[in-house]
C-alpha atoms as a PDB file:
ATOM      1  CA  MET A   1     -76.499  -9.638 -17.350  1.00  0.00           C
ATOM      2  CA  ARG A   2     -80.062  -9.469 -16.139  1.00  0.00           C
ATOM      3  CA  LYS A   3     -80.213  -9.487 -12.359  1.00  0.00           C
ATOM      4  CA  SER A   4     -83.018 -12.054 -12.568  1.00  0.00           C
ATOM      5  CA  MET A   5     -80.460 -14.566 -13.955  1.00  0.00           C
ATOM      6  CA  LEU A   6     -79.253 -15.053 -10.378  1.00  0.00           C
ATOM      7  CA  ASP A   7     -82.246 -17.343  -9.931  1.00  0.00           C
ATOM      8  CA  ILE A   8     -80.780 -19.876 -12.382  1.00  0.00           C
ATOM      9  CA  LEU A   9     -76.991 -19.434 -12.164  1.00  0.00           C
ATOM     10  CA  ALA A  10     -74.819 -21.808 -10.134  1.00  0.00           C
ATOM     11  CA  CYS A  11     -71.059 -22.173  -9.853  1.00  0.00           C
ATOM     12  CA  PRO A  12     -69.812 -24.153 -12.881  1.00  0.00           C
ATOM     13  CA  ILE A  13     -67.095 -25.768 -10.751  1.00  0.00           C
ATOM     14  CA  ASP A  14     -69.004 -27.123  -7.728  1.00  0.00           C
ATOM     15  CA  LYS A  15     -72.627 -26.346  -8.697  1.00  0.00           C
ATOM     16  CA  TYR A  16     -73.105 -24.205  -5.561  1.00  0.00           C
ATOM     17  CA  TYR A  17     -76.228 -22.054  -5.513  1.00  0.00           C
ATOM     18  CA  PRO A  18     -76.928 -19.182  -4.974  1.00  0.00           C
ATOM     19  CA  LEU A  19     -74.039 -17.045  -6.140  1.00  0.00           C
ATOM     20  CA  GLU A  20     -73.415 -13.647  -4.584  1.00  0.00           C
ATOM     21  CA  LEU A  21     -73.631 -10.626  -6.870  1.00  0.00           C
ATOM     22  CA  PHE A  22     -71.502  -7.520  -6.460  1.00  0.00           C
ATOM     23  CA  GLU A  23     -72.653  -4.748  -8.807  1.00  0.00           C
ATOM     24  CA  PHE A  24     -70.173  -2.117  -9.982  1.00  0.00           C
ATOM     25  CA  LEU A  25     -71.924  -0.582 -12.964  1.00  0.00           C
ATOM     26  CA  VAL A  26     -75.654  -0.818 -13.503  1.00  0.00           C
ATOM     27  CA  GLN A  27     -76.383   0.331 -17.028  1.00  0.00           C
ATOM     28  CA  ARG A  28     -80.146   0.448 -17.161  1.00  0.00           C
ATOM     29  CA  GLN A  29     -83.439  -1.248 -16.477  1.00  0.00           C
ATOM     30  CA  ASP A  30     -85.171  -2.901 -19.383  1.00  0.00           C
ATOM     31  CA  LEU A  31     -88.868  -2.652 -20.184  1.00  0.00           C
ATOM     32  CA  ASP A  32     -89.967  -5.331 -17.729  1.00  0.00           C
ATOM     33  CA  LYS A  33     -88.107  -3.550 -14.901  1.00  0.00           C
ATOM     34  CA  ASP A  34     -85.307  -6.122 -14.658  1.00  0.00           C
ATOM     35  CA  THR A  35     -81.971  -4.496 -13.756  1.00  0.00           C
ATOM     36  CA  ILE A  36     -79.122  -4.932 -16.245  1.00  0.00           C
ATOM     37  CA  ILE A  37     -75.663  -5.327 -14.690  1.00  0.00           C
ATOM     38  CA  SER A  38     -72.898  -4.066 -16.996  1.00  0.00           C
ATOM     39  CA  GLU A  39     -69.920  -4.657 -14.706  1.00  0.00           C
ATOM     40  CA  GLY A  40     -69.691  -6.731 -11.552  1.00  0.00           C
ATOM     41  CA  ILE A  41     -68.679 -10.020 -10.000  1.00  0.00           C
ATOM     42  CA  LEU A  42     -70.457 -13.268  -9.263  1.00  0.00           C
ATOM     43  CA  PHE A  43     -68.939 -15.041  -6.260  1.00  0.00           C
ATOM     44  CA  CYS A  44     -69.240 -18.646  -5.096  1.00  0.00           C
ATOM     45  CA  GLY A  45     -69.366 -18.887  -1.306  1.00  0.00           C
ATOM     46  CA  LYS A  46     -68.289 -22.537  -1.366  1.00  0.00           C
ATOM     47  CA  CYS A  47     -65.126 -22.604  -3.520  1.00  0.00           C
ATOM     48  CA  PHE A  48     -64.438 -18.829  -3.328  1.00  0.00           C
ATOM     49  CA  ARG A  49     -64.234 -18.471  -7.104  1.00  0.00           C
ATOM     50  CA  PHE A  50     -65.197 -15.181  -8.653  1.00  0.00           C
ATOM     51  CA  PHE A  51     -66.590 -14.711 -12.128  1.00  0.00           C
ATOM     52  CA  PRO A  52     -66.370 -11.234 -13.663  1.00  0.00           C
ATOM     53  CA  ILE A  53     -69.296  -9.633 -15.441  1.00  0.00           C
ATOM     54  CA  VAL A  54     -67.927  -7.634 -18.384  1.00  0.00           C
ATOM     55  CA  ASP A  55     -70.085  -5.731 -20.876  1.00  0.00           C
ATOM     56  CA  GLU A  56     -73.205  -7.423 -19.428  1.00  0.00           C
ATOM     57  CA  ILE A  57     -71.744 -10.931 -19.914  1.00  0.00           C
ATOM     58  CA  PRO A  58     -70.873 -13.192 -16.954  1.00  0.00           C
ATOM     59  CA  ILE A  59     -67.562 -14.929 -17.720  1.00  0.00           C
ATOM     60  CA  MET A  60     -68.089 -18.329 -16.069  1.00  0.00           C
ATOM     61  CA  LEU A  61     -65.290 -20.452 -17.509  1.00  0.00           C
ATOM     62  CA  PRO A  62     -63.334 -23.282 -15.857  1.00  0.00           C
ATOM     63  CA  ASP A  63     -59.958 -22.219 -14.456  1.00  0.00           C
ATOM     64  CA  GLU A  64     -57.898 -23.627 -17.337  1.00  0.00           C
ATOM     65  CA  LEU A  65     -59.763 -21.454 -19.872  1.00  0.00           C
ATOM     66  CA  ARG A  66     -59.597 -18.209 -17.914  1.00  0.00           C
ATOM     67  CA  GLU A  67     -57.278 -15.362 -18.912  1.00  0.00           C
ATOM     68  CA  ARG A  68     -55.240 -14.384 -15.873  1.00  0.00           C
ATOM     69  CA  GLN A  69     -53.979 -11.065 -17.258  1.00  0.00           C
ATOM     70  CA  SER A  70     -57.388  -9.690 -18.222  1.00  0.00           C
ATOM     71  CA  GLU A  71     -58.943 -10.805 -14.931  1.00  0.00           C
ATOM     72  CA  MET A  72     -56.122  -9.227 -12.903  1.00  0.00           C
ATOM     73  CA  GLU A  73     -56.715  -5.975 -14.804  1.00  0.00           C
ATOM     74  CA  PHE A  74     -60.433  -6.273 -13.993  1.00  0.00           C
ATOM     75  CA  LEU A  75     -59.640  -6.769 -10.284  1.00  0.00           C
ATOM     76  CA  GLN A  76     -57.322  -3.741 -10.312  1.00  0.00           C
ATOM     77  CA  LYS A  77     -59.890  -1.581 -12.086  1.00  0.00           C
ATOM     78  CA  TRP A  78     -62.642  -2.316  -9.525  1.00  0.00           C
ATOM     79  CA  ARG A  79     -60.398  -2.846  -6.479  1.00  0.00           C
ATOM     80  CA  THR A  80     -62.179  -0.242  -4.338  1.00  0.00           C
ATOM     81  CA  GLU A  81     -65.584  -1.810  -5.056  1.00  0.00           C
ATOM     82  CA  ILE A  82     -64.660  -5.474  -4.594  1.00  0.00           C
ATOM     83  CA  PRO A  83     -65.062  -7.036  -1.123  1.00  0.00           C
ATOM     84  CA  ASP A  84     -61.907  -8.202   0.688  1.00  0.00           C
ATOM     85  CA  LYS A  85     -62.941 -11.865   0.487  1.00  0.00           C
ATOM     86  CA  VAL A  86     -62.584 -11.665  -3.305  1.00  0.00           C
ATOM     87  CA  ILE A  87     -59.505  -9.407  -3.362  1.00  0.00           C
ATOM     88  CA  LYS A  88     -57.553 -11.441  -0.791  1.00  0.00           C
ATOM     89  CA  HIS A  89     -58.935 -14.978  -1.102  1.00  0.00           C
ATOM     90  CA  GLY A  90     -60.687 -15.253  -4.478  1.00  0.00           C
ATOM     91  CA  ASN A  91     -59.967 -18.204  -6.759  1.00  0.00           C
ATOM     92  CA  PRO A  92     -58.389 -18.950  -9.154  1.00  0.00           C
ATOM     93  CA  TRP A  93     -56.278 -15.852  -8.340  1.00  0.00           C
ATOM     94  CA  HIS A  94     -56.422 -12.757  -6.202  1.00  0.00           C
ATOM     95  CA  LEU A  95     -54.506  -9.541  -5.549  1.00  0.00           C
END
């Protein structure tokens, strides 16, 4: 995900803007100096939903289409990098 996408992304559930970005793995910068985020989380400060960024793709699906098992594995993998507000209070699930 290009970091500059933060300027246009809003929470798909409540349309809250801006989303917080937590970067775990920054792969590279492209030619126009925009940072590419390979792994991270987008977080909505209104509804407390998190949206994982996996392989440069933000997964911003409604709750009923999300895969609990894969997202729990993602949370476990990056547990030491994820802020407590996501780990303990994130929606639709948390650790």
